[in-house]
Every structure is written in C-alpha cells, then in structure tokens.
C-alpha cells in the first residue's frame, strides 16, 4: 500500500480530488501508513508489545482507533508490519547481492553505522526479541525465521567468497555471529562508545570468510 495514499473501503486509491474533499483526507490531517508505523515502532520500543496501546498509537498518529484497525487488522498484525517495515528499510540501505568478500564486509560495516544512526531501532529489536523468548509471543516466529533467513544468506556468501575450508559447523558459527551482532548492538546502546562494535563484528566476519 503506498505510504501517501488514502484508501477507500475497497482498498483502491482515492483520487486526489476526493482526497481533498474527504473529511478524513490527508488535507485534514490523516496520517500516512508510514507515520502510523513510526508511531507504533516507538510505542513498542518504549512499552513492549503487551504494554503498547492501539488507541494511544492511533491518537499519536492523529487517526481514529477504527481507522487503524481497518488498515492493520489487529495489534499482532501491526507489530509484524512494524518489524517487516524496519527490515525493508534496512534492505534499502544494503544489498544481499554481494560480489566479493570485501563488498560483504564493507556493506555490513555500513549497516552497523546505519543502525546506530536510527533512534530507537536497537531498542525496538532488543525489547521485542526479549519478549519473544516467551512461548506464544506474536513476534517469536518472526525472529526465528529472520535468524534462519539471515544465516542462509551469510552461509551462501561464505561458501562463495571464503578462502579456507568450509567448517562442518558453519551454520552454528553463522548463528553465533548473528547473536553476537544483536548482543553488541544492545551493549552499545547502553554503553555508547565503550566498544567499536563495527571493528569487532568485522573481525568476526573476516574469520568466517578466512580473510
């Protein structure tokens, strides 16, 4: 759904003229989808999934509770939309089509700095991933699937660009690298500047690649 589009009940884009005349149109302050996601991300980061209120998120975005439910369905769907949106934003910054070990390392170093530059991003993932340790949490499957997808991408890259023999426990080593990344980001958020996490992660990635 386009971020700047006002949708009709059928899901079709409302023409600009109708949007201007509509009492709920953006000319009168209706939030875009991206603004709702921004507000929801902040709420989930500060209060967690269970503590965040859909009504409060709707109010902060300047829309009715019923409008939020119309476009996102329910609280779980909004949570998953926020997580998917944040990952999509990151993928606009980097490409998974790495062409060399050097390219992979450079993009990962840039991604570390990009993540540090976005207020609340690390807090969002730290809070929700910790909550997702509880069986039945709506984000649990998202984080599990995300870890496996990222591991597969890194394993493929290491097989393509690595200079040494492929270890039998490659999958476990890659998951360890991903867990280290997540943990270091939280540490850096709590203790800014104490460690150069980009250097630490690049070193670990270099060892995985044998470079």
N, C-alpha and C. Protein backbone atom coordinates (compact mmCIF):
# COMPACT_ATOMS: atom_id res chain seq x y z
N UNK A 1 0.85 -1.18 0.00
CA UNK A 1 0.00 0.00 0.00
C UNK A 1 0.89 1.24 0.00
N UNK A 2 0.69 2.17 -0.92
CA UNK A 2 1.52 3.37 -0.97
C UNK A 2 1.42 4.15 0.33
N UNK A 3 2.58 4.65 0.80
CA UNK A 3 2.60 5.38 2.06
C UNK A 3 1.74 6.62 2.02
N UNK A 4 1.66 7.26 0.85
CA UNK A 4 0.97 8.54 0.77
C UNK A 4 -0.46 8.41 0.27
N UNK A 5 -0.95 7.20 0.10
CA UNK A 5 -2.28 7.02 -0.48
C UNK A 5 -3.36 6.92 0.58
N UNK A 6 -4.48 7.58 0.34
CA UNK A 6 -5.67 7.40 1.14
C UNK A 6 -6.48 6.30 0.46
N UNK A 7 -6.86 5.26 1.20
CA UNK A 7 -7.54 4.14 0.59
C UNK A 7 -9.04 4.21 0.85
N UNK A 8 -9.78 3.76 -0.13
CA UNK A 8 -11.22 3.62 0.05
C UNK A 8 -11.50 2.33 0.81
N UNK A 9 -12.74 2.10 1.15
CA UNK A 9 -13.10 0.87 1.84
C UNK A 9 -12.75 -0.36 1.03
N UNK A 10 -12.73 -0.25 -0.30
CA UNK A 10 -12.41 -1.39 -1.15
C UNK A 10 -10.92 -1.64 -1.24
N UNK A 11 -10.11 -0.66 -0.75
CA UNK A 11 -8.67 -0.82 -0.83
C UNK A 11 -8.07 -0.10 -2.01
N UNK A 12 -8.88 0.53 -2.85
CA UNK A 12 -8.37 1.25 -4.00
C UNK A 12 -7.93 2.66 -3.60
N UNK A 13 -6.96 3.20 -4.32
CA UNK A 13 -6.52 4.57 -4.06
C UNK A 13 -7.65 5.54 -4.34
N UNK A 14 -7.83 6.48 -3.45
CA UNK A 14 -8.84 7.52 -3.66
C UNK A 14 -8.22 8.62 -4.52
N UNK A 15 -8.89 9.09 -5.56
CA UNK A 15 -8.35 10.16 -6.40
C UNK A 15 -8.03 11.39 -5.57
N UNK A 16 -7.09 12.22 -6.06
CA UNK A 16 -6.67 13.40 -5.32
C UNK A 16 -7.83 14.32 -4.99
N UNK A 17 -8.76 14.50 -5.95
CA UNK A 17 -9.87 15.41 -5.70
C UNK A 17 -10.74 14.92 -4.55
N UNK A 18 -11.01 13.61 -4.56
CA UNK A 18 -11.81 13.04 -3.49
C UNK A 18 -11.07 13.12 -2.17
N UNK A 19 -9.76 12.97 -2.22
CA UNK A 19 -8.95 13.05 -1.01
C UNK A 19 -9.05 14.44 -0.41
N UNK A 20 -9.04 15.48 -1.25
CA UNK A 20 -9.10 16.84 -0.74
C UNK A 20 -10.47 17.13 -0.12
N UNK A 21 -11.53 16.50 -0.69
CA UNK A 21 -12.87 16.78 -0.19
C UNK A 21 -13.24 15.91 0.99
N UNK A 22 -12.58 14.77 1.13
CA UNK A 22 -12.93 13.83 2.19
C UNK A 22 -12.67 14.42 3.56
N UNK A 23 -13.64 14.31 4.50
CA UNK A 23 -13.42 14.83 5.85
C UNK A 23 -12.23 14.16 6.52
N UNK A 24 -11.94 12.92 6.13
CA UNK A 24 -10.82 12.21 6.74
C UNK A 24 -9.59 12.24 5.90
N UNK A 25 -9.54 13.08 4.86
CA UNK A 25 -8.40 13.10 3.95
C UNK A 25 -7.16 13.66 4.60
N UNK A 26 -6.03 13.47 3.92
CA UNK A 26 -4.77 13.92 4.49
C UNK A 26 -4.71 15.44 4.56
N UNK A 27 -5.51 16.14 3.73
CA UNK A 27 -5.54 17.59 3.83
C UNK A 27 -6.03 18.01 5.21
N UNK A 28 -6.81 17.14 5.89
CA UNK A 28 -7.31 17.44 7.22
C UNK A 28 -6.53 16.69 8.30
N UNK A 29 -5.39 16.16 7.96
CA UNK A 29 -4.51 15.64 8.99
C UNK A 29 -4.44 14.14 9.15
N UNK A 30 -5.04 13.34 8.24
CA UNK A 30 -4.92 11.89 8.39
C UNK A 30 -3.48 11.48 8.19
N UNK A 31 -3.03 10.55 9.02
CA UNK A 31 -1.64 10.11 8.96
C UNK A 31 -1.42 9.17 7.80
N UNK A 32 -0.23 9.15 7.29
CA UNK A 32 0.15 8.16 6.30
C UNK A 32 0.43 6.84 7.00
N UNK A 33 0.47 5.80 6.22
CA UNK A 33 0.78 4.48 6.78
C UNK A 33 2.15 4.49 7.44
N UNK A 34 3.11 5.16 6.82
CA UNK A 34 4.46 5.18 7.39
C UNK A 34 4.49 5.91 8.72
N UNK A 35 3.68 6.94 8.85
CA UNK A 35 3.64 7.66 10.12
C UNK A 35 3.07 6.77 11.21
N UNK A 36 2.04 5.99 10.88
CA UNK A 36 1.49 5.06 11.86
C UNK A 36 2.56 4.05 12.28
N UNK A 37 3.33 3.54 11.30
CA UNK A 37 4.38 2.57 11.62
C UNK A 37 5.46 3.20 12.50
N UNK A 38 5.82 4.46 12.21
CA UNK A 38 6.77 5.18 13.06
C UNK A 38 6.25 5.26 14.49
N UNK A 39 4.99 5.66 14.65
CA UNK A 39 4.41 5.82 15.99
C UNK A 39 4.32 4.48 16.71
N UNK A 40 3.93 3.45 15.97
CA UNK A 40 3.81 2.13 16.57
C UNK A 40 5.18 1.59 16.98
N UNK A 41 6.20 1.81 16.13
CA UNK A 41 7.55 1.36 16.46
C UNK A 41 8.03 2.00 17.75
N UNK A 42 7.78 3.30 17.90
CA UNK A 42 8.18 4.00 19.12
C UNK A 42 7.45 3.43 20.33
N UNK A 43 6.17 3.15 20.18
CA UNK A 43 5.39 2.62 21.31
C UNK A 43 5.87 1.22 21.70
N UNK A 44 6.11 0.37 20.72
CA UNK A 44 6.58 -0.98 21.02
C UNK A 44 7.98 -0.95 21.64
N UNK A 45 8.83 -0.03 21.18
CA UNK A 45 10.18 0.09 21.72
C UNK A 45 10.15 0.55 23.17
N UNK A 46 9.25 1.46 23.49
CA UNK A 46 9.21 2.04 24.84
C UNK A 46 8.43 1.16 25.82
N UNK A 47 7.38 0.49 25.33
CA UNK A 47 6.46 -0.19 26.24
C UNK A 47 6.35 -1.69 25.99
N UNK A 48 7.00 -2.18 24.93
CA UNK A 48 6.84 -3.59 24.60
C UNK A 48 5.51 -3.86 23.93
N UNK A 49 5.35 -5.09 23.47
CA UNK A 49 4.11 -5.44 22.77
C UNK A 49 2.91 -5.36 23.70
N UNK A 50 3.04 -5.94 24.88
CA UNK A 50 1.90 -6.02 25.78
C UNK A 50 1.56 -4.66 26.39
N UNK A 51 2.55 -3.81 26.58
CA UNK A 51 2.29 -2.53 27.20
C UNK A 51 1.76 -1.47 26.24
N UNK A 52 2.06 -1.62 24.96
CA UNK A 52 1.63 -0.62 23.98
C UNK A 52 0.12 -0.69 23.76
N UNK A 53 -0.49 0.46 23.56
CA UNK A 53 -1.94 0.55 23.36
C UNK A 53 -2.25 0.98 21.94
N UNK A 54 -3.12 0.23 21.27
CA UNK A 54 -3.53 0.62 19.91
C UNK A 54 -4.24 1.97 19.91
N UNK A 55 -5.04 2.21 20.90
CA UNK A 55 -5.75 3.50 20.96
C UNK A 55 -4.76 4.65 21.12
N UNK A 56 -3.73 4.45 21.94
CA UNK A 56 -2.73 5.50 22.13
C UNK A 56 -1.93 5.71 20.85
N UNK A 57 -1.60 4.62 20.14
CA UNK A 57 -0.87 4.74 18.88
C UNK A 57 -1.72 5.51 17.86
N UNK A 58 -3.00 5.16 17.80
CA UNK A 58 -3.89 5.86 16.87
C UNK A 58 -3.97 7.35 17.20
N UNK A 59 -4.11 7.66 18.48
CA UNK A 59 -4.19 9.07 18.88
C UNK A 59 -2.91 9.82 18.51
N UNK A 60 -1.75 9.20 18.75
CA UNK A 60 -0.49 9.88 18.45
C UNK A 60 -0.32 10.11 16.96
N UNK A 61 -0.94 9.24 16.14
CA UNK A 61 -0.86 9.38 14.69
C UNK A 61 -1.97 10.27 14.13
N UNK A 62 -2.91 10.69 14.97
CA UNK A 62 -3.98 11.57 14.53
C UNK A 62 -5.08 10.88 13.76
N UNK A 63 -5.30 9.59 14.06
CA UNK A 63 -6.37 8.86 13.39
C UNK A 63 -7.25 8.18 14.43
N UNK A 64 -8.42 7.74 14.00
CA UNK A 64 -9.32 7.01 14.89
C UNK A 64 -8.81 5.59 15.09
N UNK A 65 -9.16 5.01 16.24
CA UNK A 65 -8.83 3.62 16.52
C UNK A 65 -9.40 2.70 15.44
N UNK A 66 -10.63 2.98 15.00
CA UNK A 66 -11.26 2.14 13.97
C UNK A 66 -10.52 2.23 12.64
N UNK A 67 -9.95 3.40 12.33
CA UNK A 67 -9.19 3.55 11.09
C UNK A 67 -7.91 2.71 11.15
N UNK A 68 -7.24 2.72 12.29
CA UNK A 68 -6.04 1.91 12.44
C UNK A 68 -6.38 0.43 12.26
N UNK A 69 -7.46 -0.02 12.89
CA UNK A 69 -7.86 -1.42 12.77
C UNK A 69 -8.24 -1.77 11.33
N UNK A 70 -8.85 -0.81 10.63
CA UNK A 70 -9.25 -1.06 9.25
C UNK A 70 -8.03 -1.37 8.37
N UNK A 71 -6.94 -0.64 8.59
CA UNK A 71 -5.78 -0.80 7.72
C UNK A 71 -4.78 -1.84 8.21
N UNK A 72 -4.77 -2.14 9.52
CA UNK A 72 -3.79 -3.10 10.04
C UNK A 72 -4.42 -4.34 10.66
N UNK A 73 -5.72 -4.33 10.88
CA UNK A 73 -6.39 -5.53 11.37
C UNK A 73 -6.42 -5.64 12.88
N UNK A 74 -5.28 -5.90 13.49
CA UNK A 74 -5.22 -6.04 14.93
C UNK A 74 -3.81 -5.72 15.41
N UNK A 75 -3.60 -5.85 16.70
CA UNK A 75 -2.32 -5.47 17.30
C UNK A 75 -1.17 -6.34 16.79
N UNK A 76 -1.43 -7.64 16.66
CA UNK A 76 -0.38 -8.54 16.16
C UNK A 76 0.01 -8.17 14.73
N UNK A 77 -0.97 -7.90 13.90
CA UNK A 77 -0.68 -7.53 12.51
C UNK A 77 0.10 -6.23 12.44
N UNK A 78 -0.22 -5.28 13.31
CA UNK A 78 0.53 -4.02 13.34
C UNK A 78 1.97 -4.27 13.79
N UNK A 79 2.17 -5.10 14.80
CA UNK A 79 3.51 -5.44 15.26
C UNK A 79 4.34 -6.05 14.13
N UNK A 80 3.77 -7.02 13.44
CA UNK A 80 4.51 -7.68 12.35
C UNK A 80 4.76 -6.72 11.20
N UNK A 81 3.83 -5.80 10.96
CA UNK A 81 4.04 -4.80 9.92
C UNK A 81 5.19 -3.88 10.28
N UNK A 82 5.32 -3.52 11.56
CA UNK A 82 6.42 -2.68 12.01
C UNK A 82 7.75 -3.40 11.81
N UNK A 83 7.83 -4.66 12.20
CA UNK A 83 9.07 -5.42 12.07
C UNK A 83 9.46 -5.60 10.61
N UNK A 84 8.48 -5.92 9.76
CA UNK A 84 8.76 -6.09 8.34
C UNK A 84 9.20 -4.77 7.71
N UNK A 85 8.56 -3.68 8.11
CA UNK A 85 8.91 -2.36 7.59
C UNK A 85 10.34 -1.98 7.96
N UNK A 86 10.73 -2.23 9.21
CA UNK A 86 12.08 -1.91 9.64
C UNK A 86 13.12 -2.73 8.86
N UNK A 87 12.82 -3.99 8.60
CA UNK A 87 13.74 -4.81 7.82
C UNK A 87 13.81 -4.33 6.37
N UNK A 88 12.67 -3.93 5.82
CA UNK A 88 12.66 -3.40 4.45
C UNK A 88 13.48 -2.12 4.35
N UNK A 89 13.39 -1.29 5.38
CA UNK A 89 14.19 -0.06 5.40
C UNK A 89 15.67 -0.39 5.38
N UNK A 90 16.07 -1.39 6.14
CA UNK A 90 17.48 -1.80 6.17
C UNK A 90 17.92 -2.34 4.81
N UNK A 91 17.04 -3.10 4.16
CA UNK A 91 17.41 -3.69 2.88
C UNK A 91 17.50 -2.65 1.77
N UNK A 92 16.89 -1.47 1.98
CA UNK A 92 17.08 -0.39 1.02
C UNK A 92 18.48 0.20 1.15
N UNK A 93 19.06 0.00 2.32
CA UNK A 93 20.37 0.57 2.59
C UNK A 93 21.50 -0.35 2.12
N UNK A 94 21.27 -1.65 2.16
CA UNK A 94 22.28 -2.62 1.73
C UNK A 94 21.67 -3.57 0.72
N UNK A 95 22.54 -4.29 0.03
CA UNK A 95 22.09 -5.27 -0.95
C UNK A 95 22.62 -6.64 -0.56
N UNK A 96 21.81 -7.67 -0.77
CA UNK A 96 22.26 -9.04 -0.50
C UNK A 96 23.01 -9.62 -1.69
N UNK A 97 23.10 -8.86 -2.78
CA UNK A 97 23.81 -9.33 -3.98
C UNK A 97 25.29 -8.96 -3.87
N UNK A 98 25.96 -9.54 -2.89
CA UNK A 98 27.36 -9.23 -2.68
C UNK A 98 28.21 -9.81 -3.80
N UNK A 99 29.25 -9.09 -4.19
CA UNK A 99 30.07 -9.52 -5.32
C UNK A 99 31.44 -10.02 -4.88
N UNK A 100 31.79 -9.82 -3.62
CA UNK A 100 33.08 -10.25 -3.12
C UNK A 100 33.06 -10.23 -1.60
N UNK A 101 34.08 -10.82 -0.98
CA UNK A 101 34.20 -10.78 0.47
C UNK A 101 34.35 -9.34 0.94
N UNK A 102 35.11 -8.56 0.19
CA UNK A 102 35.32 -7.16 0.56
C UNK A 102 34.01 -6.37 0.51
N UNK A 103 33.20 -6.65 -0.52
CA UNK A 103 31.91 -5.98 -0.65
C UNK A 103 31.00 -6.34 0.52
N UNK A 104 30.97 -7.61 0.88
CA UNK A 104 30.15 -8.07 2.01
C UNK A 104 30.58 -7.36 3.30
N UNK A 105 31.88 -7.34 3.55
CA UNK A 105 32.37 -6.72 4.78
C UNK A 105 32.09 -5.22 4.81
N UNK A 106 32.25 -4.57 3.67
CA UNK A 106 32.01 -3.13 3.61
C UNK A 106 30.53 -2.81 3.86
N UNK A 107 29.64 -3.61 3.28
CA UNK A 107 28.22 -3.35 3.46
C UNK A 107 27.78 -3.62 4.89
N UNK A 108 28.33 -4.66 5.51
CA UNK A 108 27.97 -4.94 6.89
C UNK A 108 28.49 -3.85 7.83
N UNK A 109 29.68 -3.33 7.57
CA UNK A 109 30.21 -2.24 8.37
C UNK A 109 29.32 -1.00 8.24
N UNK A 110 28.86 -0.73 7.01
CA UNK A 110 27.98 0.41 6.79
C UNK A 110 26.64 0.21 7.48
N UNK A 111 26.15 -1.04 7.49
CA UNK A 111 24.86 -1.33 8.12
C UNK A 111 24.93 -1.13 9.64
N UNK A 112 26.05 -1.49 10.24
CA UNK A 112 26.23 -1.27 11.67
C UNK A 112 26.07 0.22 11.99
N UNK A 113 26.73 1.06 11.21
CA UNK A 113 26.64 2.50 11.45
C UNK A 113 25.24 3.04 11.15
N UNK A 114 24.62 2.48 10.11
CA UNK A 114 23.25 2.89 9.77
C UNK A 114 22.31 2.59 10.93
N UNK A 115 22.40 1.39 11.49
CA UNK A 115 21.52 1.01 12.60
C UNK A 115 21.74 1.93 13.81
N UNK A 116 22.98 2.30 14.05
CA UNK A 116 23.28 3.17 15.19
C UNK A 116 22.71 4.58 14.99
N UNK A 117 22.49 4.94 13.75
CA UNK A 117 22.04 6.30 13.45
C UNK A 117 20.53 6.47 13.56
N UNK A 118 19.79 5.37 13.71
CA UNK A 118 18.33 5.44 13.75
C UNK A 118 17.85 5.37 15.19
N UNK A 119 17.34 6.45 15.73
CA UNK A 119 16.90 6.45 17.13
C UNK A 119 15.83 5.39 17.39
N UNK A 120 16.02 4.60 18.44
CA UNK A 120 15.01 3.64 18.84
C UNK A 120 15.07 2.31 18.13
N UNK A 121 15.88 2.16 17.06
CA UNK A 121 15.86 0.91 16.30
C UNK A 121 16.37 -0.25 17.14
N UNK A 122 17.53 -0.06 17.78
CA UNK A 122 18.09 -1.13 18.60
C UNK A 122 17.16 -1.42 19.77
N UNK A 123 16.61 -0.38 20.37
CA UNK A 123 15.68 -0.57 21.49
C UNK A 123 14.47 -1.39 21.06
N UNK A 124 13.94 -1.09 19.86
CA UNK A 124 12.78 -1.83 19.35
C UNK A 124 13.08 -3.32 19.27
N UNK A 125 14.20 -3.67 18.64
CA UNK A 125 14.53 -5.08 18.47
C UNK A 125 14.92 -5.73 19.80
N UNK A 126 15.60 -4.97 20.67
CA UNK A 126 16.00 -5.53 21.96
C UNK A 126 14.79 -5.87 22.81
N UNK A 127 13.84 -4.94 22.88
CA UNK A 127 12.65 -5.15 23.69
C UNK A 127 11.81 -6.30 23.14
N UNK A 128 11.57 -6.27 21.85
CA UNK A 128 10.67 -7.27 21.26
C UNK A 128 11.31 -8.65 21.19
N UNK A 129 12.62 -8.72 20.89
CA UNK A 129 13.26 -10.04 20.85
C UNK A 129 13.33 -10.66 22.24
N UNK A 130 13.51 -9.82 23.28
CA UNK A 130 13.50 -10.33 24.65
C UNK A 130 12.11 -10.85 25.00
N UNK A 131 11.09 -10.09 24.65
CA UNK A 131 9.72 -10.56 24.90
C UNK A 131 9.43 -11.84 24.15
N UNK A 132 9.99 -11.97 22.93
CA UNK A 132 9.70 -13.12 22.08
C UNK A 132 10.31 -14.41 22.62
N UNK A 133 11.14 -14.30 23.65
CA UNK A 133 11.65 -15.51 24.30
C UNK A 133 10.52 -16.28 24.99
N UNK A 134 9.40 -15.59 25.22
CA UNK A 134 8.24 -16.23 25.84
C UNK A 134 7.45 -16.99 24.79
N UNK A 135 7.17 -18.24 25.08
CA UNK A 135 6.38 -19.06 24.17
C UNK A 135 5.03 -18.40 23.90
N UNK A 136 4.67 -18.34 22.61
CA UNK A 136 3.39 -17.79 22.24
C UNK A 136 3.41 -16.31 21.92
N UNK A 137 4.56 -15.64 22.09
CA UNK A 137 4.64 -14.22 21.74
C UNK A 137 4.45 -14.07 20.24
N UNK A 138 3.69 -13.07 19.78
CA UNK A 138 3.39 -12.95 18.35
C UNK A 138 4.61 -12.67 17.47
N UNK A 139 5.71 -12.18 18.04
CA UNK A 139 6.90 -11.91 17.24
C UNK A 139 7.90 -13.07 17.26
N UNK A 140 7.62 -14.11 18.02
CA UNK A 140 8.57 -15.21 18.18
C UNK A 140 8.93 -15.86 16.84
N UNK A 141 7.92 -16.20 16.05
CA UNK A 141 8.16 -16.84 14.76
C UNK A 141 8.91 -15.90 13.83
N UNK A 142 8.59 -14.61 13.88
CA UNK A 142 9.29 -13.63 13.04
C UNK A 142 10.79 -13.66 13.31
N UNK A 143 11.18 -13.59 14.58
CA UNK A 143 12.60 -13.55 14.91
C UNK A 143 13.29 -14.88 14.60
N UNK A 144 12.59 -15.98 14.79
CA UNK A 144 13.17 -17.28 14.46
C UNK A 144 13.41 -17.40 12.95
N UNK A 145 12.40 -17.04 12.17
CA UNK A 145 12.52 -17.14 10.70
C UNK A 145 13.56 -16.15 10.18
N UNK A 146 13.61 -14.96 10.77
CA UNK A 146 14.57 -13.95 10.36
C UNK A 146 16.00 -14.44 10.58
N UNK A 147 16.24 -15.06 11.72
CA UNK A 147 17.58 -15.58 12.01
C UNK A 147 17.99 -16.65 10.99
N UNK A 148 17.07 -17.52 10.65
CA UNK A 148 17.39 -18.58 9.69
C UNK A 148 17.62 -18.01 8.29
N UNK A 149 16.81 -17.03 7.90
CA UNK A 149 16.98 -16.42 6.58
C UNK A 149 18.33 -15.70 6.48
N UNK A 150 18.68 -14.94 7.52
CA UNK A 150 19.96 -14.25 7.51
C UNK A 150 21.11 -15.24 7.53
N UNK A 151 20.97 -16.30 8.31
CA UNK A 151 22.03 -17.32 8.36
C UNK A 151 22.24 -17.95 6.99
N UNK A 152 21.16 -18.23 6.29
CA UNK A 152 21.27 -18.82 4.95
C UNK A 152 22.01 -17.88 4.00
N UNK A 153 21.69 -16.58 4.06
CA UNK A 153 22.37 -15.61 3.19
C UNK A 153 23.87 -15.55 3.50
N UNK A 154 24.22 -15.53 4.76
CA UNK A 154 25.63 -15.46 5.12
C UNK A 154 26.36 -16.75 4.78
N UNK A 155 25.72 -17.88 5.00
CA UNK A 155 26.35 -19.15 4.65
C UNK A 155 26.64 -19.22 3.15
N UNK A 156 25.68 -18.79 2.35
CA UNK A 156 25.89 -18.78 0.89
C UNK A 156 27.07 -17.89 0.53
N UNK A 157 27.13 -16.71 1.17
CA UNK A 157 28.23 -15.78 0.87
C UNK A 157 29.57 -16.37 1.28
N UNK A 158 29.63 -17.03 2.42
CA UNK A 158 30.88 -17.61 2.88
C UNK A 158 31.32 -18.74 1.95
N UNK A 159 30.37 -19.52 1.47
CA UNK A 159 30.73 -20.58 0.51
C UNK A 159 31.24 -20.00 -0.81
N UNK A 160 30.71 -18.85 -1.20
CA UNK A 160 31.14 -18.23 -2.46
C UNK A 160 32.47 -17.51 -2.32
N UNK A 161 32.66 -16.80 -1.21
CA UNK A 161 33.80 -15.90 -1.11
C UNK A 161 34.86 -16.32 -0.10
N UNK A 162 34.55 -17.34 0.71
CA UNK A 162 35.52 -17.76 1.72
C UNK A 162 36.78 -18.34 1.09
N UNK A 163 37.90 -18.12 1.77
CA UNK A 163 39.18 -18.56 1.21
C UNK A 163 39.68 -19.86 1.82
N UNK A 164 39.07 -20.30 2.89
CA UNK A 164 39.53 -21.52 3.55
C UNK A 164 38.50 -22.63 3.42
N UNK A 165 38.79 -23.78 4.04
CA UNK A 165 37.83 -24.89 4.02
C UNK A 165 36.55 -24.51 4.76
N UNK A 166 35.43 -25.00 4.28
CA UNK A 166 34.14 -24.70 4.91
C UNK A 166 34.00 -25.59 6.16
N UNK A 167 33.83 -24.99 7.32
CA UNK A 167 33.72 -25.81 8.54
C UNK A 167 32.41 -26.59 8.57
N UNK A 168 32.46 -27.74 9.21
CA UNK A 168 31.27 -28.59 9.30
C UNK A 168 30.17 -27.91 10.11
N UNK A 169 30.55 -27.05 11.03
CA UNK A 169 29.57 -26.37 11.89
C UNK A 169 29.30 -24.94 11.42
N UNK A 170 29.35 -24.73 10.10
CA UNK A 170 29.19 -23.38 9.56
C UNK A 170 27.89 -22.73 10.02
N UNK A 171 26.80 -23.48 9.99
CA UNK A 171 25.50 -22.90 10.36
C UNK A 171 25.54 -22.38 11.80
N UNK A 172 26.08 -23.16 12.70
CA UNK A 172 26.16 -22.74 14.10
C UNK A 172 27.07 -21.53 14.25
N UNK A 173 28.15 -21.48 13.49
CA UNK A 173 29.08 -20.35 13.60
C UNK A 173 28.45 -19.06 13.07
N UNK A 174 27.67 -19.20 12.01
CA UNK A 174 26.99 -18.02 11.48
C UNK A 174 25.92 -17.52 12.46
N UNK A 175 25.17 -18.45 13.06
CA UNK A 175 24.18 -18.04 14.06
C UNK A 175 24.86 -17.37 15.25
N UNK A 176 26.05 -17.84 15.61
CA UNK A 176 26.81 -17.21 16.69
C UNK A 176 27.19 -15.78 16.31
N UNK A 177 27.59 -15.58 15.06
CA UNK A 177 27.92 -14.23 14.57
C UNK A 177 26.70 -13.32 14.65
N UNK A 178 25.54 -13.81 14.23
CA UNK A 178 24.32 -13.01 14.28
C UNK A 178 23.92 -12.69 15.72
N UNK A 179 24.07 -13.67 16.61
CA UNK A 179 23.76 -13.43 18.02
C UNK A 179 24.73 -12.41 18.63
N UNK A 180 25.99 -12.50 18.23
CA UNK A 180 26.98 -11.53 18.70
C UNK A 180 26.60 -10.12 18.25
N UNK A 181 26.18 -10.00 16.99
CA UNK A 181 25.77 -8.70 16.45
C UNK A 181 24.63 -8.10 17.28
N UNK A 182 23.60 -8.91 17.52
CA UNK A 182 22.46 -8.40 18.27
C UNK A 182 22.87 -8.01 19.69
N UNK A 183 23.68 -8.84 20.32
CA UNK A 183 24.10 -8.53 21.67
C UNK A 183 24.97 -7.29 21.75
N UNK A 184 25.87 -7.13 20.79
CA UNK A 184 26.76 -5.97 20.79
C UNK A 184 25.98 -4.67 20.54
N UNK A 185 24.94 -4.74 19.71
CA UNK A 185 24.14 -3.54 19.47
C UNK A 185 23.46 -3.08 20.75
N UNK A 186 22.95 -4.03 21.53
CA UNK A 186 22.32 -3.68 22.79
C UNK A 186 23.37 -3.11 23.75
N UNK A 187 24.53 -3.76 23.82
CA UNK A 187 25.60 -3.27 24.69
C UNK A 187 25.99 -1.84 24.31
N UNK A 188 26.09 -1.57 23.02
CA UNK A 188 26.49 -0.25 22.54
C UNK A 188 25.42 0.79 22.86
N UNK A 189 24.16 0.38 22.81
CA UNK A 189 23.09 1.32 23.15
C UNK A 189 23.13 1.70 24.62
N UNK A 190 23.51 0.75 25.47
CA UNK A 190 23.58 1.01 26.91
C UNK A 190 24.90 1.67 27.29
N UNK A 191 25.96 1.29 26.57
CA UNK A 191 27.32 1.78 26.86
C UNK A 191 27.92 2.40 25.61
N UNK A 192 27.38 3.51 25.13
CA UNK A 192 27.84 4.08 23.86
C UNK A 192 29.32 4.42 23.88
N UNK A 193 30.01 3.96 22.83
CA UNK A 193 31.41 4.30 22.66
C UNK A 193 32.40 3.45 23.41
N UNK A 194 31.91 2.53 24.26
CA UNK A 194 32.83 1.70 25.04
C UNK A 194 33.56 0.69 24.15
N UNK A 195 32.87 0.23 23.13
CA UNK A 195 33.46 -0.71 22.16
C UNK A 195 33.18 -0.20 20.76
N UNK A 196 34.12 -0.43 19.87
CA UNK A 196 33.87 -0.18 18.45
C UNK A 196 33.27 -1.46 17.89
N UNK A 197 31.94 -1.54 17.94
CA UNK A 197 31.30 -2.80 17.56
C UNK A 197 31.47 -3.11 16.08
N UNK A 198 31.64 -2.07 15.25
CA UNK A 198 31.88 -2.31 13.83
C UNK A 198 33.18 -3.08 13.63
N UNK A 199 34.22 -2.72 14.38
CA UNK A 199 35.52 -3.41 14.26
C UNK A 199 35.39 -4.85 14.77
N UNK A 200 34.71 -5.02 15.91
CA UNK A 200 34.55 -6.36 16.47
C UNK A 200 33.81 -7.28 15.50
N UNK A 201 32.71 -6.79 14.94
CA UNK A 201 31.91 -7.61 14.03
C UNK A 201 32.63 -7.87 12.72
N UNK A 202 33.36 -6.87 12.24
CA UNK A 202 34.12 -7.08 11.01
C UNK A 202 35.19 -8.13 11.21
N UNK A 203 35.82 -8.11 12.36
CA UNK A 203 36.83 -9.13 12.65
C UNK A 203 36.24 -10.53 12.67
N UNK A 204 35.06 -10.66 13.29
CA UNK A 204 34.42 -11.97 13.35
C UNK A 204 33.99 -12.42 11.94
N UNK A 205 33.46 -11.50 11.14
CA UNK A 205 33.08 -11.85 9.78
C UNK A 205 34.30 -12.23 8.96
N UNK A 206 35.40 -11.52 9.17
CA UNK A 206 36.63 -11.85 8.47
C UNK A 206 37.11 -13.26 8.80
N UNK A 207 36.97 -13.65 10.05
CA UNK A 207 37.36 -15.01 10.44
C UNK A 207 36.47 -16.05 9.78
N UNK A 208 35.18 -15.74 9.67
CA UNK A 208 34.27 -16.68 9.00
C UNK A 208 34.64 -16.83 7.51
N UNK A 209 35.07 -15.72 6.92
CA UNK A 209 35.43 -15.74 5.49
C UNK A 209 36.85 -16.25 5.27
N UNK A 210 37.65 -16.30 6.33
CA UNK A 210 39.04 -16.71 6.18
C UNK A 210 39.89 -15.63 5.54
N UNK A 211 39.47 -14.35 5.71
CA UNK A 211 40.22 -13.25 5.08
C UNK A 211 40.86 -12.37 6.14
